[in-house]
C-alpha atoms as a PDB file:
ATOM      1  CA  MET A   1     -11.014 -31.030  45.051  1.00  0.00           C
ATOM      2  CA  ILE A   2     -10.541 -33.844  47.539  1.00  0.00           C
ATOM      3  CA  SER A   3     -10.622 -37.516  46.705  1.00  0.00           C
ATOM      4  CA  CYS A   4     -13.484 -39.779  47.700  1.00  0.00           C
ATOM      5  CA  ASP A   5     -11.213 -41.624  50.140  1.00  0.00           C
ATOM      6  CA  ARG A   6     -10.095 -38.390  51.833  1.00  0.00           C
ATOM      7  CA  PHE A   7     -13.706 -37.193  52.002  1.00  0.00           C
ATOM      8  CA  ASN A   8     -14.712 -40.405  53.801  1.00  0.00           C
ATOM      9  CA  GLU A   9     -11.755 -40.033  56.195  1.00  0.00           C
ATOM     10  CA  LEU A  10     -12.888 -36.515  57.075  1.00  0.00           C
ATOM     11  CA  LEU A  11     -16.463 -37.665  57.658  1.00  0.00           C
ATOM     12  CA  LYS A  12     -15.233 -40.473  59.882  1.00  0.00           C
ATOM     13  CA  ALA A  13     -13.133 -38.038  61.929  1.00  0.00           C
ATOM     14  CA  LEU A  14     -16.122 -35.693  62.335  1.00  0.00           C
ATOM     15  CA  ASP A  15     -18.384 -38.552  63.394  1.00  0.00           C
ATOM     16  CA  GLU A  16     -15.842 -39.847  65.912  1.00  0.00           C
ATOM     17  CA  ALA A  17     -15.342 -36.364  67.375  1.00  0.00           C
ATOM     18  CA  ARG A  18     -19.130 -35.893  67.551  1.00  0.00           C
ATOM     19  CA  ASP A  19     -19.543 -39.178  69.436  1.00  0.00           C
ATOM     20  CA  GLU A  20     -16.762 -38.321  71.881  1.00  0.00           C
ATOM     21  CA  LEU A  21     -18.262 -34.897  72.563  1.00  0.00           C
ATOM     22  CA  ARG A  22     -21.678 -36.444  73.240  1.00  0.00           C
ATOM     23  CA  GLN A  23     -20.171 -38.971  75.625  1.00  0.00           C
ATOM     24  CA  GLY A  24     -18.486 -36.109  77.459  1.00  0.00           C
ATOM     25  CA  GLY A  25     -21.740 -34.201  77.801  1.00  0.00           C
ATOM     26  CA  TYR A  26     -20.987 -31.552  75.161  1.00  0.00           C
ATOM     27  CA  GLU A  27     -24.249 -31.818  73.244  1.00  0.00           C
ATOM     28  CA  MET A  28     -24.189 -28.414  71.469  1.00  0.00           C
ATOM     29  CA  PRO A  29     -20.705 -28.831  69.945  1.00  0.00           C
ATOM     30  CA  ALA A  30     -21.671 -32.411  69.021  1.00  0.00           C
ATOM     31  CA  GLN A  31     -24.748 -31.081  67.203  1.00  0.00           C
ATOM     32  CA  LEU A  32     -22.584 -28.597  65.309  1.00  0.00           C
ATOM     33  CA  LEU A  33     -20.323 -31.405  64.095  1.00  0.00           C
ATOM     34  CA  ALA A  34     -23.367 -33.457  63.098  1.00  0.00           C
ATOM     35  CA  MET A  35     -24.654 -30.507  61.079  1.00  0.00           C
ATOM     36  CA  ALA A  36     -21.258 -30.067  59.415  1.00  0.00           C
ATOM     37  CA  SER A  37     -21.191 -33.752  58.522  1.00  0.00           C
ATOM     38  CA  LEU A  38     -24.687 -33.582  57.038  1.00  0.00           C
ATOM     39  CA  GLN A  39     -23.837 -30.459  55.032  1.00  0.00           C
ATOM     40  CA  MET A  40     -20.731 -32.146  53.627  1.00  0.00           C
ATOM     41  CA  ARG A  41     -22.783 -35.161  52.528  1.00  0.00           C
ATOM     42  CA  LEU A  42     -25.451 -32.992  50.912  1.00  0.00           C
ATOM     43  CA  GLN A  43     -22.883 -30.965  49.000  1.00  0.00           C
ATOM     44  CA  PHE A  44     -20.877 -34.026  47.970  1.00  0.00           C
ATOM     45  CA  HIS A  45     -23.988 -35.704  46.549  1.00  0.00           C
ATOM     46  CA  ALA A  46     -25.198 -32.432  44.984  1.00  0.00           C
ATOM     47  CA  ILE A  47     -28.487 -32.440  46.903  1.00  0.00           C
ATOM     48  CA  THR A  48     -30.015 -28.974  46.893  1.00  0.00           C
ATOM     49  CA  ASP A  49     -31.608 -27.271  49.893  1.00  0.00           C
ATOM     50  CA  SER A  50     -35.041 -27.517  48.286  1.00  0.00           C
ATOM     51  CA  GLU A  51     -34.601 -31.256  47.607  1.00  0.00           C
ATOM     52  CA  PHE A  52     -33.527 -31.849  51.200  1.00  0.00           C
ATOM     53  CA  LYS A  53     -36.430 -29.814  52.580  1.00  0.00           C
ATOM     54  CA  GLU A  54     -38.896 -31.792  50.453  1.00  0.00           C
ATOM     55  CA  PHE A  55     -37.300 -35.041  51.630  1.00  0.00           C
ATOM     56  CA  CYS A  56     -37.712 -33.926  55.254  1.00  0.00           C
ATOM     57  CA  ARG A  57     -41.360 -33.035  54.622  1.00  0.00           C
ATOM     58  CA  LEU A  58     -41.950 -36.502  53.177  1.00  0.00           C
ATOM     59  CA  ILE A  59     -40.271 -38.143  56.157  1.00  0.00           C
ATOM     60  CA  ASP A  60     -42.398 -36.122  58.606  1.00  0.00           C
ATOM     61  CA  GLY A  61     -45.561 -37.194  56.802  1.00  0.00           C
ATOM     62  CA  PRO A  62     -48.597 -35.370  55.493  1.00  0.00           C
ATOM     63  CA  SER A  63     -49.612 -33.910  58.863  1.00  0.00           C
ATOM     64  CA  SER A  64     -46.475 -31.732  58.922  1.00  0.00           C
ATOM     65  CA  ARG A  65     -47.261 -29.999  55.634  1.00  0.00           C
ATOM     66  CA  PRO A  66     -48.945 -26.617  56.012  1.00  0.00           C
ATOM     67  CA  ASP A  67     -51.415 -27.350  53.181  1.00  0.00           C
ATOM     68  CA  SER A  68     -52.265 -30.904  54.238  1.00  0.00           C
ATOM     69  CA  LYS A  69     -55.498 -32.118  55.692  1.00  0.00           C
ATOM     70  CA  ASN A  70     -55.107 -35.014  58.065  1.00  0.00           C
ATOM     71  CA  ASP A  71     -58.232 -36.752  56.835  1.00  0.00           C
ATOM     72  CA  GLY A  72     -56.714 -40.112  56.028  1.00  0.00           C
ATOM     73  CA  GLY A  73     -56.733 -39.307  52.325  1.00  0.00           C
ATOM     74  CA  SER A  74     -54.088 -40.281  49.845  1.00  0.00           C
ATOM     75  CA  GLU A  75     -50.642 -38.746  49.670  1.00  0.00           C
ATOM     76  CA  ASP A  76     -49.728 -36.212  47.018  1.00  0.00           C
ATOM     77  CA  SER A  77     -49.342 -37.771  43.603  1.00  0.00           C
ATOM     78  CA  ASN A  78     -45.975 -36.054  43.241  1.00  0.00           C
ATOM     79  CA  VAL A  79     -43.092 -38.432  43.690  1.00  0.00           C
ATOM     80  CA  PHE A  80     -39.889 -37.110  45.204  1.00  0.00           C
ATOM     81  CA  LYS A  81     -36.772 -38.441  43.553  1.00  0.00           C
ATOM     82  CA  ILE A  82     -33.575 -38.456  45.581  1.00  0.00           C
ATOM     83  CA  LYS A  83     -30.307 -38.069  43.721  1.00  0.00           C
ATOM     84  CA  ALA A  84     -28.993 -41.175  45.427  1.00  0.00           C
ATOM     85  CA  PHE A  85     -25.300 -41.840  45.170  1.00  0.00           C
ATOM     86  CA  ARG A  86     -24.681 -39.089  42.652  1.00  0.00           C
ATOM     87  CA  ARG A  87     -21.189 -37.900  43.321  1.00  0.00           C
ATOM     88  CA  ARG A  88     -18.876 -35.330  41.903  1.00  0.00           C
ATOM     89  CA  LYS A  89     -16.015 -36.768  39.990  1.00  0.00           C
ATOM     90  CA  PRO A  90     -12.768 -36.610  42.057  1.00  0.00           C
END
């Protein structure tokens, strides 16, 4: 298991490499590094795929849900709780 400091160093290196690739016009490899960075963060904070998908649905709004009716009605009464800042112990 890696330490929190080392984890942050790795994320920083990925983000810097992603930015450099984008500046050089290498968008696809830059996207791959962005996806790797996101996956690392999700795993580190123990956010499941289903939690992340629900979060994305909430960000997109009710019109993006397959079962929603864009009639100006109220949002679902379900409240999504993000496991914010929950980390594995180093």
